N, C-alpha and C. Protein backbone atom coordinates (compact mmCIF):
# COMPACT_ATOMS: atom_id res chain seq x y z
N UNK A 1 2.44 -23.40 6.26
CA UNK A 1 2.30 -22.12 6.93
C UNK A 1 3.66 -21.40 6.95
N UNK A 2 3.64 -20.13 6.64
CA UNK A 2 4.85 -19.32 6.58
C UNK A 2 5.06 -18.65 7.93
N UNK A 3 6.23 -18.81 8.54
CA UNK A 3 6.47 -18.23 9.85
C UNK A 3 7.00 -16.79 9.78
N UNK A 4 7.66 -16.43 8.68
CA UNK A 4 8.21 -15.08 8.56
C UNK A 4 7.94 -14.52 7.16
N UNK A 5 6.79 -13.86 6.99
CA UNK A 5 6.43 -13.35 5.66
C UNK A 5 7.38 -12.25 5.13
N UNK A 6 7.99 -11.48 6.02
CA UNK A 6 8.90 -10.43 5.57
C UNK A 6 10.17 -11.05 4.98
N UNK A 7 10.67 -12.12 5.60
CA UNK A 7 11.83 -12.83 5.03
C UNK A 7 11.50 -13.40 3.66
N UNK A 8 10.28 -13.92 3.51
CA UNK A 8 9.84 -14.45 2.22
C UNK A 8 9.84 -13.35 1.16
N UNK A 9 9.35 -12.17 1.53
CA UNK A 9 9.32 -11.04 0.60
C UNK A 9 10.74 -10.64 0.18
N UNK A 10 11.65 -10.54 1.15
CA UNK A 10 13.02 -10.14 0.86
C UNK A 10 13.72 -11.18 -0.01
N UNK A 11 13.44 -12.45 0.24
CA UNK A 11 14.03 -13.52 -0.56
C UNK A 11 13.53 -13.47 -2.00
N UNK A 12 12.24 -13.21 -2.18
CA UNK A 12 11.69 -13.09 -3.53
C UNK A 12 12.33 -11.92 -4.28
N UNK A 13 12.50 -10.78 -3.61
CA UNK A 13 13.13 -9.62 -4.25
C UNK A 13 14.59 -9.92 -4.57
N UNK A 14 15.32 -10.54 -3.63
CA UNK A 14 16.72 -10.89 -3.85
C UNK A 14 16.89 -11.84 -5.03
N UNK A 15 16.06 -12.89 -5.08
CA UNK A 15 16.16 -13.86 -6.17
C UNK A 15 15.81 -13.24 -7.52
N UNK A 16 14.76 -12.41 -7.57
CA UNK A 16 14.37 -11.77 -8.82
C UNK A 16 15.44 -10.79 -9.29
N UNK A 17 16.06 -10.08 -8.36
CA UNK A 17 17.11 -9.13 -8.71
C UNK A 17 18.33 -9.85 -9.27
N UNK A 18 18.71 -10.95 -8.64
CA UNK A 18 19.88 -11.71 -9.10
C UNK A 18 19.61 -12.38 -10.45
N UNK A 19 18.35 -12.73 -10.72
CA UNK A 19 18.00 -13.36 -11.99
C UNK A 19 17.69 -12.33 -13.07
N UNK A 20 17.86 -11.04 -12.76
CA UNK A 20 17.63 -9.92 -13.69
C UNK A 20 16.20 -9.85 -14.20
N UNK A 21 15.24 -10.18 -13.32
CA UNK A 21 13.84 -10.01 -13.68
C UNK A 21 13.46 -8.54 -13.54
N UNK A 22 12.45 -8.12 -14.30
CA UNK A 22 12.02 -6.72 -14.22
C UNK A 22 10.94 -6.52 -13.17
N UNK A 23 10.25 -7.60 -12.77
CA UNK A 23 9.21 -7.47 -11.75
C UNK A 23 9.08 -8.78 -10.99
N UNK A 24 8.47 -8.68 -9.80
CA UNK A 24 8.22 -9.85 -8.97
C UNK A 24 6.91 -9.63 -8.21
N UNK A 25 6.13 -10.69 -8.06
CA UNK A 25 4.86 -10.63 -7.32
C UNK A 25 5.05 -11.22 -5.92
N UNK A 26 4.47 -10.52 -4.94
CA UNK A 26 4.61 -10.90 -3.53
C UNK A 26 3.22 -10.89 -2.90
N UNK A 27 2.90 -11.87 -2.05
CA UNK A 27 1.64 -11.80 -1.31
C UNK A 27 1.63 -10.54 -0.45
N UNK A 28 0.52 -9.82 -0.44
CA UNK A 28 0.50 -8.49 0.14
C UNK A 28 0.11 -8.40 1.59
N UNK A 29 0.60 -7.34 2.25
CA UNK A 29 0.19 -6.93 3.58
C UNK A 29 0.60 -5.46 3.74
N UNK A 30 0.12 -4.83 4.79
CA UNK A 30 0.43 -3.41 5.00
C UNK A 30 1.92 -3.18 5.25
N UNK A 31 2.53 -4.02 6.07
CA UNK A 31 3.95 -3.83 6.39
C UNK A 31 4.82 -4.05 5.16
N UNK A 32 4.46 -5.01 4.31
CA UNK A 32 5.22 -5.25 3.09
C UNK A 32 5.08 -4.06 2.14
N UNK A 33 3.89 -3.48 2.05
CA UNK A 33 3.68 -2.30 1.21
C UNK A 33 4.49 -1.12 1.73
N UNK A 34 4.59 -0.98 3.04
CA UNK A 34 5.39 0.10 3.61
C UNK A 34 6.88 -0.11 3.39
N UNK A 35 7.34 -1.35 3.45
CA UNK A 35 8.74 -1.64 3.15
C UNK A 35 9.04 -1.31 1.69
N UNK A 36 8.12 -1.67 0.79
CA UNK A 36 8.29 -1.33 -0.63
C UNK A 36 8.32 0.18 -0.84
N UNK A 37 7.50 0.91 -0.10
CA UNK A 37 7.48 2.37 -0.20
C UNK A 37 8.84 2.95 0.19
N UNK A 38 9.44 2.43 1.27
CA UNK A 38 10.76 2.90 1.70
C UNK A 38 11.82 2.56 0.65
N UNK A 39 11.76 1.34 0.10
CA UNK A 39 12.73 0.95 -0.94
C UNK A 39 12.61 1.84 -2.17
N UNK A 40 11.38 2.25 -2.51
CA UNK A 40 11.17 3.15 -3.65
C UNK A 40 11.72 4.55 -3.34
N UNK A 41 11.46 5.05 -2.13
CA UNK A 41 11.96 6.38 -1.74
C UNK A 41 13.48 6.43 -1.74
N UNK A 42 14.11 5.32 -1.37
CA UNK A 42 15.57 5.27 -1.31
C UNK A 42 16.21 4.92 -2.65
N UNK A 43 15.40 4.60 -3.67
CA UNK A 43 15.91 4.37 -5.02
C UNK A 43 16.36 2.95 -5.32
N UNK A 44 15.94 1.98 -4.52
CA UNK A 44 16.35 0.60 -4.77
C UNK A 44 15.41 -0.13 -5.72
N UNK A 45 14.16 0.31 -5.84
CA UNK A 45 13.21 -0.27 -6.80
C UNK A 45 12.59 0.86 -7.61
N UNK A 46 12.09 0.52 -8.81
CA UNK A 46 11.44 1.53 -9.65
C UNK A 46 10.12 1.96 -9.04
N UNK A 47 9.24 0.99 -8.83
CA UNK A 47 7.93 1.28 -8.26
C UNK A 47 7.30 -0.02 -7.79
N UNK A 48 6.11 0.09 -7.22
CA UNK A 48 5.35 -1.08 -6.84
C UNK A 48 3.87 -0.77 -7.00
N UNK A 49 3.09 -1.82 -7.18
CA UNK A 49 1.66 -1.67 -7.40
C UNK A 49 0.94 -2.69 -6.55
N UNK A 50 -0.14 -2.28 -5.90
CA UNK A 50 -0.94 -3.19 -5.09
C UNK A 50 -2.10 -3.69 -5.94
N UNK A 51 -2.14 -5.00 -6.16
CA UNK A 51 -3.18 -5.63 -6.97
C UNK A 51 -4.11 -6.39 -6.04
N UNK A 52 -5.40 -6.05 -6.05
CA UNK A 52 -6.37 -6.71 -5.17
C UNK A 52 -7.42 -7.40 -6.02
N UNK A 53 -7.39 -8.73 -6.02
CA UNK A 53 -8.41 -9.50 -6.72
C UNK A 53 -9.68 -9.56 -5.88
N UNK A 54 -9.50 -9.66 -4.57
CA UNK A 54 -10.62 -9.62 -3.62
C UNK A 54 -10.09 -9.04 -2.32
N UNK A 55 -10.94 -8.95 -1.32
CA UNK A 55 -10.55 -8.37 -0.04
C UNK A 55 -9.42 -9.18 0.63
N UNK A 56 -9.45 -10.50 0.45
CA UNK A 56 -8.46 -11.34 1.11
C UNK A 56 -7.30 -11.76 0.20
N UNK A 57 -7.39 -11.50 -1.09
CA UNK A 57 -6.34 -11.91 -2.04
C UNK A 57 -5.65 -10.66 -2.59
N UNK A 58 -4.61 -10.23 -1.89
CA UNK A 58 -3.88 -9.02 -2.27
C UNK A 58 -2.46 -9.40 -2.66
N UNK A 59 -1.99 -8.83 -3.78
CA UNK A 59 -0.64 -9.08 -4.27
C UNK A 59 0.05 -7.74 -4.50
N UNK A 60 1.33 -7.70 -4.17
CA UNK A 60 2.14 -6.52 -4.45
C UNK A 60 3.07 -6.87 -5.59
N UNK A 61 3.02 -6.09 -6.66
CA UNK A 61 3.93 -6.28 -7.80
C UNK A 61 5.03 -5.23 -7.69
N UNK A 62 6.27 -5.70 -7.56
CA UNK A 62 7.43 -4.83 -7.40
C UNK A 62 8.19 -4.79 -8.71
N UNK A 63 8.41 -3.57 -9.22
CA UNK A 63 9.19 -3.37 -10.44
C UNK A 63 10.61 -3.02 -10.04
N UNK A 64 11.56 -3.86 -10.45
CA UNK A 64 12.95 -3.74 -10.02
C UNK A 64 13.80 -2.92 -10.97
N UNK A 65 14.79 -2.23 -10.41
CA UNK A 65 15.81 -1.56 -11.21
C UNK A 65 16.92 -2.57 -11.46
N UNK A 66 17.48 -2.59 -12.66
CA UNK A 66 18.58 -3.52 -12.90
C UNK A 66 19.82 -3.14 -12.09
N UNK A 67 20.40 -4.13 -11.41
CA UNK A 67 21.65 -3.98 -10.65
C UNK A 67 21.58 -2.95 -9.52
N UNK A 68 20.38 -2.60 -9.03
CA UNK A 68 20.27 -1.61 -7.96
C UNK A 68 20.47 -2.23 -6.59
N UNK A 69 20.01 -3.46 -6.40
CA UNK A 69 20.13 -4.13 -5.11
C UNK A 69 21.28 -5.14 -5.19
N UNK A 70 22.34 -4.88 -4.44
CA UNK A 70 23.45 -5.81 -4.35
C UNK A 70 23.11 -6.90 -3.36
N UNK A 71 22.60 -6.51 -2.19
CA UNK A 71 22.22 -7.46 -1.16
C UNK A 71 21.06 -6.88 -0.36
N UNK A 72 20.13 -7.74 0.03
CA UNK A 72 19.03 -7.37 0.90
C UNK A 72 18.90 -8.49 1.92
N UNK A 73 18.99 -8.15 3.20
CA UNK A 73 18.99 -9.18 4.23
C UNK A 73 18.11 -8.78 5.41
N UNK A 74 17.56 -9.78 6.05
CA UNK A 74 16.69 -9.60 7.21
C UNK A 74 17.57 -9.38 8.43
N UNK A 75 17.31 -8.32 9.19
CA UNK A 75 18.09 -8.03 10.38
C UNK A 75 17.41 -8.58 11.63
N UNK A 76 16.12 -8.36 11.75
CA UNK A 76 15.36 -8.84 12.89
C UNK A 76 14.52 -10.02 12.43
N UNK A 77 14.39 -11.02 13.28
CA UNK A 77 13.60 -12.19 12.90
C UNK A 77 12.69 -12.56 14.06
N UNK A 78 11.70 -13.43 13.84
CA UNK A 78 10.76 -13.74 14.91
C UNK A 78 11.42 -14.32 16.17
N UNK A 79 12.49 -15.08 16.03
CA UNK A 79 13.16 -15.66 17.19
C UNK A 79 14.08 -14.71 17.91
N UNK A 80 14.54 -13.66 17.24
CA UNK A 80 15.47 -12.71 17.84
C UNK A 80 15.23 -11.33 17.23
N UNK A 81 14.45 -10.54 17.93
CA UNK A 81 14.15 -9.18 17.47
C UNK A 81 15.37 -8.29 17.67
N UNK A 82 15.57 -7.35 16.76
CA UNK A 82 16.73 -6.47 16.79
C UNK A 82 16.24 -5.03 16.87
N UNK A 83 16.40 -4.40 18.03
CA UNK A 83 15.96 -3.03 18.25
C UNK A 83 17.17 -2.12 18.40
N UNK A 84 17.01 -0.85 18.03
CA UNK A 84 18.09 0.12 18.18
C UNK A 84 17.50 1.50 18.42
N UNK A 85 18.17 2.26 19.28
CA UNK A 85 17.83 3.66 19.46
C UNK A 85 18.35 4.46 18.27
N UNK A 86 17.90 5.68 18.12
CA UNK A 86 18.29 6.45 16.94
C UNK A 86 19.79 6.69 16.89
N UNK A 87 20.45 6.75 18.04
CA UNK A 87 21.90 6.97 18.05
C UNK A 87 22.69 5.68 17.87
N UNK A 88 22.03 4.52 17.90
CA UNK A 88 22.71 3.23 17.73
C UNK A 88 22.32 2.51 16.45
N UNK A 89 21.65 3.18 15.53
CA UNK A 89 21.27 2.55 14.26
C UNK A 89 22.53 2.33 13.44
N UNK A 90 22.80 1.09 13.03
CA UNK A 90 24.04 0.82 12.30
C UNK A 90 24.05 1.44 10.91
N UNK A 91 25.22 1.85 10.47
CA UNK A 91 25.39 2.35 9.10
C UNK A 91 25.67 1.16 8.20
N UNK A 92 24.90 1.04 7.13
CA UNK A 92 25.03 -0.09 6.22
C UNK A 92 26.01 0.28 5.11
N UNK A 93 27.05 -0.51 4.96
CA UNK A 93 28.09 -0.28 3.95
C UNK A 93 28.62 1.15 4.00
N UNK A 94 28.96 1.60 5.19
CA UNK A 94 29.52 2.95 5.41
C UNK A 94 28.63 4.06 4.87
N UNK A 95 27.32 3.86 4.94
CA UNK A 95 26.38 4.89 4.51
C UNK A 95 25.87 4.72 3.10
N UNK A 96 26.40 3.76 2.33
CA UNK A 96 25.92 3.54 0.96
C UNK A 96 24.58 2.80 0.95
N UNK A 97 24.34 2.00 1.96
CA UNK A 97 23.09 1.25 2.07
C UNK A 97 22.16 1.92 3.06
N UNK A 98 21.05 1.25 3.32
CA UNK A 98 20.06 1.80 4.23
C UNK A 98 19.42 0.66 5.01
N UNK A 99 19.02 0.94 6.24
CA UNK A 99 18.24 0.01 7.04
C UNK A 99 16.78 0.46 6.99
N UNK A 100 15.87 -0.50 7.06
CA UNK A 100 14.44 -0.20 7.12
C UNK A 100 13.99 -0.50 8.54
N UNK A 101 13.39 0.49 9.20
CA UNK A 101 13.00 0.35 10.59
C UNK A 101 11.49 0.48 10.76
N UNK A 102 10.97 -0.25 11.72
CA UNK A 102 9.58 -0.10 12.14
C UNK A 102 9.60 0.72 13.43
N UNK A 103 9.09 1.95 13.37
CA UNK A 103 9.14 2.86 14.51
C UNK A 103 7.74 3.30 14.89
N UNK A 104 7.66 4.15 15.90
CA UNK A 104 6.38 4.72 16.30
C UNK A 104 5.86 5.71 15.26
N UNK A 105 6.73 6.16 14.35
CA UNK A 105 6.34 7.06 13.26
C UNK A 105 6.02 6.30 11.99
N UNK A 106 6.01 4.96 12.07
CA UNK A 106 5.74 4.13 10.90
C UNK A 106 7.00 3.45 10.40
N UNK A 107 6.92 2.82 9.25
CA UNK A 107 8.08 2.16 8.64
C UNK A 107 8.86 3.22 7.88
N UNK A 108 10.12 3.45 8.30
CA UNK A 108 10.94 4.50 7.70
C UNK A 108 12.37 4.00 7.50
N UNK A 109 13.14 4.75 6.74
CA UNK A 109 14.54 4.40 6.51
C UNK A 109 15.40 4.87 7.69
N UNK A 110 16.61 4.32 7.76
CA UNK A 110 17.52 4.69 8.85
C UNK A 110 17.91 6.17 8.77
N UNK A 111 18.01 6.70 7.57
CA UNK A 111 18.34 8.12 7.41
C UNK A 111 17.26 9.01 8.01
N UNK A 112 16.01 8.67 7.71
CA UNK A 112 14.90 9.45 8.23
C UNK A 112 14.75 9.26 9.74
N UNK A 113 15.05 8.06 10.25
CA UNK A 113 14.96 7.79 11.68
C UNK A 113 15.97 8.64 12.46
N UNK A 114 17.19 8.76 11.92
CA UNK A 114 18.18 9.61 12.57
C UNK A 114 17.76 11.07 12.55
N UNK A 115 17.15 11.47 11.43
CA UNK A 115 16.68 12.85 11.28
C UNK A 115 15.56 13.16 12.27
N UNK A 116 14.61 12.21 12.43
CA UNK A 116 13.48 12.39 13.35
C UNK A 116 13.83 12.03 14.79
N UNK A 117 15.04 11.47 15.00
CA UNK A 117 15.49 11.02 16.32
C UNK A 117 14.53 10.02 16.94
N UNK A 118 14.20 8.96 16.17
CA UNK A 118 13.39 7.85 16.68
C UNK A 118 14.11 6.55 16.40
N UNK A 119 13.97 5.60 17.31
CA UNK A 119 14.52 4.27 17.14
C UNK A 119 13.40 3.28 16.93
N UNK A 120 13.76 2.02 16.76
CA UNK A 120 12.74 1.00 16.57
C UNK A 120 13.36 -0.32 16.18
N UNK A 121 12.53 -1.19 15.64
CA UNK A 121 12.99 -2.51 15.22
C UNK A 121 13.61 -2.42 13.83
N UNK A 122 14.82 -2.92 13.68
CA UNK A 122 15.49 -2.93 12.38
C UNK A 122 14.97 -4.13 11.62
N UNK A 123 14.17 -3.89 10.56
CA UNK A 123 13.57 -4.98 9.79
C UNK A 123 14.55 -5.60 8.82
N UNK A 124 15.24 -4.75 8.02
CA UNK A 124 16.17 -5.30 7.02
C UNK A 124 17.23 -4.26 6.67
N UNK A 125 18.29 -4.74 6.05
CA UNK A 125 19.38 -3.89 5.54
C UNK A 125 19.47 -4.10 4.03
N UNK A 126 19.64 -3.00 3.28
CA UNK A 126 19.72 -3.05 1.83
C UNK A 126 20.93 -2.25 1.38
N UNK A 127 21.68 -2.80 0.43
CA UNK A 127 22.76 -2.05 -0.20
C UNK A 127 22.96 -2.53 -1.60
């Protein structure tokens, strides 16, 4: 049994990026699809596709850009949640990176959260 599926997703993306793979398959969920959407909007991945063999067997295929992700790390974890208000969202690599947040407006990037003035749980940091 997997205790933290988001960490598993980030680890798969990190390992595939470091091994210079062009794509990686991840077990699917709504939150993972939303994280992939934010990564695509911010330019860290080329695209992603949701593959559904059946109602319960969903896979997300992520197409990676070469050398786009230097590091991707989990900020909040099941044992210690990490929340921040919009004015306390940390800047990743002096603004070169981005944080992915789960807010009341959905899963959005730190840039958009500051723009909308909403805070939430910091899921991961990417640079």
